[in-house]
Structures are given as structure tokens and as C-alpha cells.
Amino acid sequence: MEIIHDPNRKIFSTIINGYTGYVSYQIKNGKLDILHTIVPPQIGGQGVASQLVKATYDYAIDNHLKPIATCSYAAIWLQRHPEYRDQ
């Protein structure tokens, strides 16, 4: 799966079978906050959301930003991946 980062729009996205899934985020006070994780039902159940969130938080860590989540999906993802939460 190819994930594309658009730092100007603060979005990580992917297109699968013509459907776009994406994560939107904001950076504030040294923290990267995932605001929304959107995956159309047509491409759901394939791990798309998880891969988008992981790519976003990998970017956060690479840029010395603390991963946090407003988005409920991303918050659960962080609970399941303490190696990101505890950065």
C-alpha cells in the first residue's frame, strides 16, 4: 500500500480501488495530534486505518513530536502500541 504525505494539508492518504482513505493531523506544542481517520467502507477491514495511523505516528517520532490522538480510532491504536504512546 502506498501512503502519501501532504504536509501542506497535514494529511496522510492512500487510494485503493479508487477509494481514498486518510488521516488528518495537526502539530501544536511539540505534539502531533491525529484529528480524523477516514476509511470508506468499500476498503474497510483491510488494515488501511492502522497503516495510515502508523505512518503518521512514524512521521511524528522521526520529527521529535509526541504522538497524541483526538480521533477515537487513533486513541485506541495508541493504547495498543505503547511503544508510540510512551515517546
N, C-alpha and C. Protein backbone atom coordinates (compact mmCIF):
# COMPACT_ATOMS: atom_id res chain seq x y z
N MET A 1 0.84 -1.17 0.00
CA MET A 1 0.00 0.00 0.00
C MET A 1 0.89 1.24 0.00
N GLU A 2 0.65 2.13 -0.93
CA GLU A 2 1.40 3.37 -1.00
C GLU A 2 0.69 4.43 -0.18
N ILE A 3 1.40 5.01 0.77
CA ILE A 3 0.85 6.08 1.60
C ILE A 3 1.57 7.36 1.23
N ILE A 4 0.79 8.39 0.96
CA ILE A 4 1.32 9.68 0.52
C ILE A 4 1.10 10.71 1.62
N HIS A 5 2.15 11.48 1.90
CA HIS A 5 2.06 12.53 2.91
C HIS A 5 1.99 13.88 2.20
N ASP A 6 0.99 14.66 2.55
CA ASP A 6 0.87 16.04 2.07
C ASP A 6 1.03 16.95 3.27
N PRO A 7 2.26 17.39 3.57
CA PRO A 7 2.48 18.20 4.77
C PRO A 7 1.77 19.55 4.75
N ASN A 8 1.51 20.09 3.57
CA ASN A 8 0.81 21.36 3.49
C ASN A 8 -0.64 21.23 3.96
N ARG A 9 -1.26 20.12 3.63
CA ARG A 9 -2.65 19.87 4.04
C ARG A 9 -2.73 19.10 5.35
N LYS A 10 -1.57 18.62 5.83
CA LYS A 10 -1.47 17.82 7.06
C LYS A 10 -2.34 16.56 6.96
N ILE A 11 -2.07 15.80 5.89
CA ILE A 11 -2.83 14.58 5.61
C ILE A 11 -1.87 13.47 5.15
N PHE A 12 -2.13 12.26 5.63
CA PHE A 12 -1.54 11.04 5.08
C PHE A 12 -2.69 10.31 4.40
N SER A 13 -2.49 9.86 3.16
CA SER A 13 -3.59 9.23 2.44
C SER A 13 -3.11 8.06 1.59
N THR A 14 -4.09 7.25 1.19
CA THR A 14 -3.83 6.16 0.26
C THR A 14 -5.08 5.98 -0.59
N ILE A 15 -4.89 5.48 -1.80
CA ILE A 15 -6.01 5.20 -2.69
C ILE A 15 -5.97 3.72 -3.02
N ILE A 16 -7.09 3.04 -2.77
CA ILE A 16 -7.22 1.61 -3.05
C ILE A 16 -8.51 1.41 -3.84
N ASN A 17 -8.38 0.81 -5.01
CA ASN A 17 -9.54 0.55 -5.87
C ASN A 17 -10.38 1.80 -6.10
N GLY A 18 -9.72 2.95 -6.21
CA GLY A 18 -10.41 4.21 -6.48
C GLY A 18 -10.98 4.89 -5.24
N TYR A 19 -10.81 4.31 -4.06
CA TYR A 19 -11.32 4.89 -2.81
C TYR A 19 -10.16 5.43 -2.00
N THR A 20 -10.35 6.62 -1.43
CA THR A 20 -9.30 7.27 -0.66
C THR A 20 -9.56 7.16 0.83
N GLY A 21 -8.56 6.67 1.54
CA GLY A 21 -8.56 6.69 2.99
C GLY A 21 -7.52 7.70 3.43
N TYR A 22 -7.78 8.37 4.56
CA TYR A 22 -6.81 9.38 5.00
C TYR A 22 -6.85 9.61 6.51
N VAL A 23 -5.76 10.18 6.97
CA VAL A 23 -5.62 10.65 8.35
C VAL A 23 -5.29 12.13 8.26
N SER A 24 -6.00 12.94 9.05
CA SER A 24 -5.65 14.36 9.14
C SER A 24 -5.09 14.61 10.54
N TYR A 25 -4.15 15.54 10.62
CA TYR A 25 -3.49 15.80 11.88
C TYR A 25 -3.17 17.28 12.03
N GLN A 26 -2.80 17.66 13.25
CA GLN A 26 -2.28 18.99 13.50
C GLN A 26 -1.04 18.86 14.37
N ILE A 27 -0.17 19.83 14.28
CA ILE A 27 1.03 19.88 15.11
C ILE A 27 0.93 21.13 15.97
N LYS A 28 1.07 20.91 17.28
CA LYS A 28 0.96 22.04 18.21
C LYS A 28 1.74 21.70 19.48
N ASN A 29 2.56 22.63 19.92
CA ASN A 29 3.30 22.48 21.17
C ASN A 29 4.11 21.19 21.23
N GLY A 30 4.76 20.85 20.13
CA GLY A 30 5.61 19.67 20.12
C GLY A 30 4.87 18.35 20.07
N LYS A 31 3.57 18.40 19.74
CA LYS A 31 2.75 17.19 19.68
C LYS A 31 2.09 17.08 18.31
N LEU A 32 2.02 15.84 17.81
CA LEU A 32 1.27 15.58 16.59
C LEU A 32 -0.02 14.89 17.01
N ASP A 33 -1.13 15.55 16.72
CA ASP A 33 -2.46 15.07 17.12
C ASP A 33 -3.23 14.61 15.89
N ILE A 34 -3.57 13.32 15.85
CA ILE A 34 -4.44 12.83 14.77
C ILE A 34 -5.86 13.25 15.09
N LEU A 35 -6.45 14.01 14.18
CA LEU A 35 -7.80 14.54 14.37
C LEU A 35 -8.87 13.61 13.82
N HIS A 36 -8.60 13.04 12.64
CA HIS A 36 -9.59 12.19 11.97
C HIS A 36 -8.89 11.04 11.24
N THR A 37 -9.50 9.88 11.29
CA THR A 37 -9.08 8.74 10.48
C THR A 37 -10.31 8.33 9.68
N ILE A 38 -10.22 8.46 8.36
CA ILE A 38 -11.37 8.20 7.48
C ILE A 38 -11.01 7.10 6.48
N VAL A 39 -11.77 6.02 6.52
CA VAL A 39 -11.61 4.93 5.57
C VAL A 39 -13.00 4.55 5.06
N PRO A 40 -13.26 4.70 3.76
CA PRO A 40 -14.57 4.33 3.23
C PRO A 40 -14.86 2.85 3.47
N PRO A 41 -16.12 2.50 3.67
CA PRO A 41 -16.48 1.10 3.93
C PRO A 41 -16.05 0.15 2.82
N GLN A 42 -15.93 0.66 1.60
CA GLN A 42 -15.55 -0.18 0.46
C GLN A 42 -14.13 -0.73 0.60
N ILE A 43 -13.29 -0.07 1.40
CA ILE A 43 -11.93 -0.56 1.61
C ILE A 43 -11.66 -0.84 3.09
N GLY A 44 -12.70 -0.89 3.88
CA GLY A 44 -12.56 -1.20 5.30
C GLY A 44 -12.19 -2.65 5.52
N GLY A 45 -11.70 -2.94 6.71
CA GLY A 45 -11.37 -4.31 7.07
C GLY A 45 -10.09 -4.84 6.46
N GLN A 46 -9.29 -3.96 5.87
CA GLN A 46 -8.04 -4.38 5.22
C GLN A 46 -6.81 -3.82 5.93
N GLY A 47 -7.00 -3.23 7.10
CA GLY A 47 -5.88 -2.65 7.83
C GLY A 47 -5.45 -1.29 7.34
N VAL A 48 -6.28 -0.66 6.53
CA VAL A 48 -5.92 0.65 5.96
C VAL A 48 -5.77 1.69 7.06
N ALA A 49 -6.74 1.78 7.96
CA ALA A 49 -6.68 2.78 9.03
C ALA A 49 -5.43 2.59 9.88
N SER A 50 -5.14 1.36 10.24
CA SER A 50 -3.97 1.08 11.07
C SER A 50 -2.68 1.51 10.37
N GLN A 51 -2.56 1.23 9.10
CA GLN A 51 -1.35 1.59 8.37
C GLN A 51 -1.21 3.11 8.21
N LEU A 52 -2.34 3.79 8.02
CA LEU A 52 -2.30 5.26 7.92
C LEU A 52 -1.89 5.88 9.26
N VAL A 53 -2.45 5.38 10.35
CA VAL A 53 -2.12 5.90 11.67
C VAL A 53 -0.64 5.62 11.97
N LYS A 54 -0.17 4.43 11.68
CA LYS A 54 1.23 4.09 11.92
C LYS A 54 2.15 5.01 11.13
N ALA A 55 1.85 5.25 9.87
CA ALA A 55 2.69 6.14 9.05
C ALA A 55 2.73 7.55 9.64
N THR A 56 1.59 8.01 10.13
CA THR A 56 1.52 9.35 10.71
C THR A 56 2.34 9.43 11.99
N TYR A 57 2.21 8.43 12.85
CA TYR A 57 2.98 8.43 14.09
C TYR A 57 4.46 8.16 13.86
N ASP A 58 4.81 7.40 12.83
CA ASP A 58 6.22 7.24 12.48
C ASP A 58 6.81 8.60 12.10
N TYR A 59 6.04 9.38 11.35
CA TYR A 59 6.46 10.72 10.98
C TYR A 59 6.65 11.57 12.24
N ALA A 60 5.72 11.46 13.19
CA ALA A 60 5.83 12.23 14.44
C ALA A 60 7.14 11.91 15.15
N ILE A 61 7.40 10.63 15.33
CA ILE A 61 8.61 10.21 16.05
C ILE A 61 9.87 10.65 15.30
N ASP A 62 9.87 10.49 13.99
CA ASP A 62 11.03 10.90 13.18
C ASP A 62 11.30 12.40 13.30
N ASN A 63 10.26 13.16 13.63
CA ASN A 63 10.38 14.61 13.73
C ASN A 63 10.32 15.11 15.17
N HIS A 64 10.56 14.19 16.12
CA HIS A 64 10.65 14.51 17.54
C HIS A 64 9.37 15.16 18.07
N LEU A 65 8.23 14.64 17.62
CA LEU A 65 6.92 15.10 18.07
C LEU A 65 6.26 13.99 18.88
N LYS A 66 5.55 14.35 19.92
CA LYS A 66 4.85 13.36 20.74
C LYS A 66 3.53 12.99 20.08
N PRO A 67 3.30 11.69 19.82
CA PRO A 67 2.03 11.25 19.24
C PRO A 67 0.89 11.35 20.26
N ILE A 68 -0.18 12.04 19.88
CA ILE A 68 -1.41 12.09 20.68
C ILE A 68 -2.59 11.91 19.73
N ALA A 69 -3.78 11.74 20.29
CA ALA A 69 -4.93 11.47 19.44
C ALA A 69 -6.20 12.13 19.95
N THR A 70 -6.83 12.91 19.10
CA THR A 70 -8.20 13.38 19.31
C THR A 70 -9.15 12.35 18.72
N CYS A 71 -8.75 11.77 17.60
CA CYS A 71 -9.55 10.75 16.91
C CYS A 71 -9.66 9.49 17.78
N SER A 72 -10.86 8.97 17.93
CA SER A 72 -11.07 7.79 18.78
C SER A 72 -10.33 6.57 18.25
N TYR A 73 -10.29 6.38 16.94
CA TYR A 73 -9.56 5.23 16.38
C TYR A 73 -8.07 5.34 16.72
N ALA A 74 -7.50 6.52 16.52
CA ALA A 74 -6.07 6.72 16.79
C ALA A 74 -5.78 6.57 18.29
N ALA A 75 -6.70 6.98 19.15
CA ALA A 75 -6.51 6.83 20.59
C ALA A 75 -6.43 5.35 20.97
N ILE A 76 -7.30 4.54 20.41
CA ILE A 76 -7.28 3.10 20.66
C ILE A 76 -5.99 2.50 20.10
N TRP A 77 -5.58 2.95 18.91
CA TRP A 77 -4.35 2.46 18.30
C TRP A 77 -3.16 2.73 19.23
N LEU A 78 -3.12 3.94 19.81
CA LEU A 78 -2.03 4.27 20.72
C LEU A 78 -2.04 3.38 21.96
N GLN A 79 -3.22 3.06 22.47
CA GLN A 79 -3.32 2.16 23.63
C GLN A 79 -2.73 0.79 23.29
N ARG A 80 -2.93 0.35 22.08
CA ARG A 80 -2.44 -0.97 21.65
C ARG A 80 -0.97 -0.96 21.26
N HIS A 81 -0.39 0.21 21.11
CA HIS A 81 1.00 0.35 20.70
C HIS A 81 1.74 1.29 21.66
N PRO A 82 2.02 0.83 22.86
CA PRO A 82 2.66 1.71 23.86
C PRO A 82 4.03 2.23 23.43
N GLU A 83 4.68 1.53 22.50
CA GLU A 83 5.98 2.00 22.03
C GLU A 83 5.85 3.36 21.34
N TYR A 84 4.68 3.73 20.88
CA TYR A 84 4.43 5.05 20.29
C TYR A 84 3.93 6.01 21.37
N ARG A 85 3.02 5.54 22.18
CA ARG A 85 2.39 6.38 23.21
C ARG A 85 3.44 6.92 24.18
N ASP A 86 4.44 6.12 24.48
CA ASP A 86 5.42 6.48 25.51
C ASP A 86 6.61 7.27 24.97
N GLN A 87 6.50 7.80 23.79
CA GLN A 87 7.59 8.57 23.20
C GLN A 87 7.68 9.94 23.84
